[in-house]
Amino acid sequence: MIERRPLCILLVEDDADSRAALARLLNMSGHRTIAAGTVAEALQLARAHKCDVIVSDVGLPDRSGIELMRELSALYPIPGVAVSGYTDAADVTECERAGFLRHLKKPIDFQTLLDTIAELTNGGRMRGYSAPTSDSPGA
């Protein structure tokens, strides 16, 4: 049996009820969740806690999750999951260019989120993350 280690997950969601429910479920799944409601708060927490993965709403009150992902990627390599109600090709492409590796449509299925996090972090077995390189503009 392969042993999974708990992950540090930076969760960014402006809806307080959704943020609390997701954080509680992630914690119950054995992870340590650090939650923020704004980009400013998320950046402050990301500097204090080097997390393994970010799960972020795209539409946030102070700035966009896309801007957040770009700034976080400049701080340290971190795989990201964008969560949004918008899933047309242009929205998904914009998220990918910002550095998000996956895009999930709201309302999200919690098991799909857990599976996605496990996929992006090699099942929680590896510490650290090597960001894919890209020569495409905006990446």
Protein backbone atom coordinates (compact mmCIF):
# COMPACT_ATOMS: atom_id res chain seq x y z
CA MET A 1 0.00 0.00 0.00
CA ILE A 2 1.30 3.45 -0.95
CA GLU A 3 1.28 5.91 1.90
CA ARG A 4 -0.18 9.35 1.21
CA ARG A 5 1.10 12.31 3.11
CA PRO A 6 -1.19 15.19 4.09
CA LEU A 7 -1.00 18.15 1.74
CA CYS A 8 -1.06 21.84 2.51
CA ILE A 9 -3.87 23.21 0.34
CA LEU A 10 -4.37 26.93 -0.21
CA LEU A 11 -8.11 27.33 -0.76
CA VAL A 12 -9.30 30.66 -2.16
CA GLU A 13 -13.06 31.21 -2.29
CA ASP A 14 -14.93 34.43 -1.61
CA ASP A 15 -18.21 32.79 -0.57
CA ALA A 16 -17.77 32.19 3.16
CA ASP A 17 -20.14 29.21 3.35
CA SER A 18 -18.54 27.46 0.36
CA ARG A 19 -15.06 28.20 1.71
CA ALA A 20 -15.92 26.78 5.15
CA ALA A 21 -17.56 23.65 3.70
CA LEU A 22 -14.69 22.90 1.31
CA ALA A 23 -12.07 23.55 3.98
CA ARG A 24 -13.88 21.23 6.39
CA LEU A 25 -14.13 18.46 3.76
CA LEU A 26 -10.47 18.81 2.75
CA ASN A 27 -9.41 18.71 6.41
CA MET A 28 -11.60 15.63 7.00
CA SER A 29 -9.78 14.04 4.04
CA GLY A 30 -6.53 14.39 5.95
CA HIS A 31 -5.16 17.59 4.45
CA ARG A 32 -4.20 20.89 6.05
CA THR A 33 -6.27 23.64 4.47
CA ILE A 34 -5.37 27.30 4.61
CA ALA A 35 -8.35 29.35 3.47
CA ALA A 36 -8.60 32.86 2.07
CA GLY A 37 -11.45 34.97 0.73
CA THR A 38 -9.45 37.45 -1.34
CA VAL A 39 -6.34 37.59 -3.51
CA ALA A 40 -4.61 39.86 -0.99
CA GLU A 41 -5.25 37.42 1.85
CA ALA A 42 -4.19 34.45 -0.30
CA LEU A 43 -0.88 36.10 -1.23
CA GLN A 44 -0.17 36.87 2.43
CA LEU A 45 -0.91 33.26 3.42
CA ALA A 46 1.11 31.87 0.50
CA ARG A 47 4.15 33.81 1.67
CA ALA A 48 3.76 32.46 5.21
CA HIS A 49 2.95 28.84 4.26
CA LYS A 50 4.52 27.14 1.27
CA CYS A 51 1.52 25.10 0.16
CA ASP A 52 1.54 22.04 -2.09
CA VAL A 53 -1.44 23.03 -4.25
CA ILE A 54 -3.89 25.90 -4.71
CA VAL A 55 -7.61 25.55 -5.34
CA SER A 56 -8.97 28.94 -6.32
CA ASP A 57 -12.18 30.50 -7.48
CA VAL A 58 -11.55 32.60 -10.58
CA GLY A 59 -13.97 35.40 -9.65
CA LEU A 60 -12.75 37.06 -6.46
CA PRO A 61 -13.76 40.42 -4.99
CA ASP A 62 -10.43 42.27 -5.08
CA ARG A 63 -8.77 40.74 -8.17
CA SER A 64 -9.10 37.62 -10.27
CA GLY A 65 -7.90 34.13 -9.45
CA ILE A 66 -5.99 34.33 -12.73
CA GLU A 67 -3.92 37.25 -11.41
CA LEU A 68 -3.45 35.35 -8.15
CA MET A 69 -2.09 32.27 -9.96
CA ARG A 70 0.36 34.39 -11.95
CA GLU A 71 1.69 36.01 -8.79
CA LEU A 72 1.88 32.74 -6.86
CA SER A 73 3.77 31.08 -9.71
CA ALA A 74 6.35 33.86 -9.43
CA LEU A 75 6.76 33.16 -5.68
CA TYR A 76 7.26 29.40 -5.98
CA PRO A 77 6.10 26.58 -8.25
CA ILE A 78 2.65 25.41 -7.21
CA PRO A 79 0.10 23.35 -9.11
CA GLY A 80 -3.29 25.00 -9.31
CA VAL A 81 -6.93 24.08 -9.78
CA ALA A 82 -9.20 26.85 -11.07
CA VAL A 83 -12.82 26.68 -9.97
CA SER A 84 -15.35 28.67 -11.96
CA GLY A 85 -18.87 28.77 -13.27
CA TYR A 86 -17.44 29.65 -16.67
CA THR A 87 -16.01 26.79 -18.69
CA ASP A 88 -15.97 27.90 -22.30
CA ALA A 89 -12.73 27.29 -24.20
CA ALA A 90 -11.51 30.89 -23.85
CA ASP A 91 -11.94 30.84 -20.05
CA VAL A 92 -10.14 27.51 -19.71
CA THR A 93 -7.30 28.70 -21.97
CA GLU A 94 -6.89 31.89 -19.94
CA CYS A 95 -6.66 29.85 -16.74
CA GLU A 96 -4.06 27.55 -18.30
CA ARG A 97 -1.98 30.51 -19.47
CA ALA A 98 -2.00 31.86 -15.93
CA GLY A 99 -0.58 28.57 -14.64
CA PHE A 100 -3.61 26.57 -13.55
CA LEU A 101 -3.21 22.92 -14.52
CA ARG A 102 -6.89 22.00 -14.16
CA HIS A 103 -10.22 23.79 -14.43
CA LEU A 104 -13.32 22.54 -12.60
CA LYS A 105 -16.83 23.86 -13.15
CA LYS A 106 -18.99 24.97 -10.24
CA PRO A 107 -20.69 23.40 -8.49
CA ILE A 108 -17.75 21.07 -8.04
CA ASP A 109 -17.99 17.41 -7.21
CA PHE A 110 -15.86 16.91 -4.10
CA GLN A 111 -14.50 13.51 -5.17
CA THR A 112 -13.47 15.00 -8.51
CA LEU A 113 -11.64 17.74 -6.63
CA LEU A 114 -9.83 15.19 -4.43
CA ASP A 115 -8.90 13.11 -7.47
CA THR A 116 -7.61 16.20 -9.27
CA ILE A 117 -5.51 17.28 -6.28
CA ALA A 118 -4.07 13.76 -6.00
CA GLU A 119 -3.25 13.74 -9.70
CA LEU A 120 -1.48 17.11 -9.55
CA THR A 121 0.55 16.17 -6.49
CA ASN A 122 1.36 12.59 -7.49
CA GLY A 123 -1.08 11.29 -4.90
CA GLY A 124 0.51 13.36 -2.15
CA ARG A 125 3.59 11.15 -2.29
CA MET A 126 6.07 13.74 -3.53
CA ARG A 127 7.16 16.92 -1.83
CA GLY A 128 7.65 19.78 -4.22
CA TYR A 129 6.49 20.35 -7.74
CA SER A 130 8.20 20.98 -11.03
CA ALA A 131 6.17 23.37 -13.09
CA PRO A 132 5.83 22.49 -16.76
CA THR A 133 7.72 24.82 -19.05
CA SER A 134 6.06 26.54 -21.94
CA ASP A 135 7.18 28.81 -24.71
CA SER A 136 3.66 30.02 -25.33
CA PRO A 137 2.89 33.71 -24.73
CA GLY A 138 1.25 34.51 -21.44
CA ALA A 139 2.42 31.30 -19.83
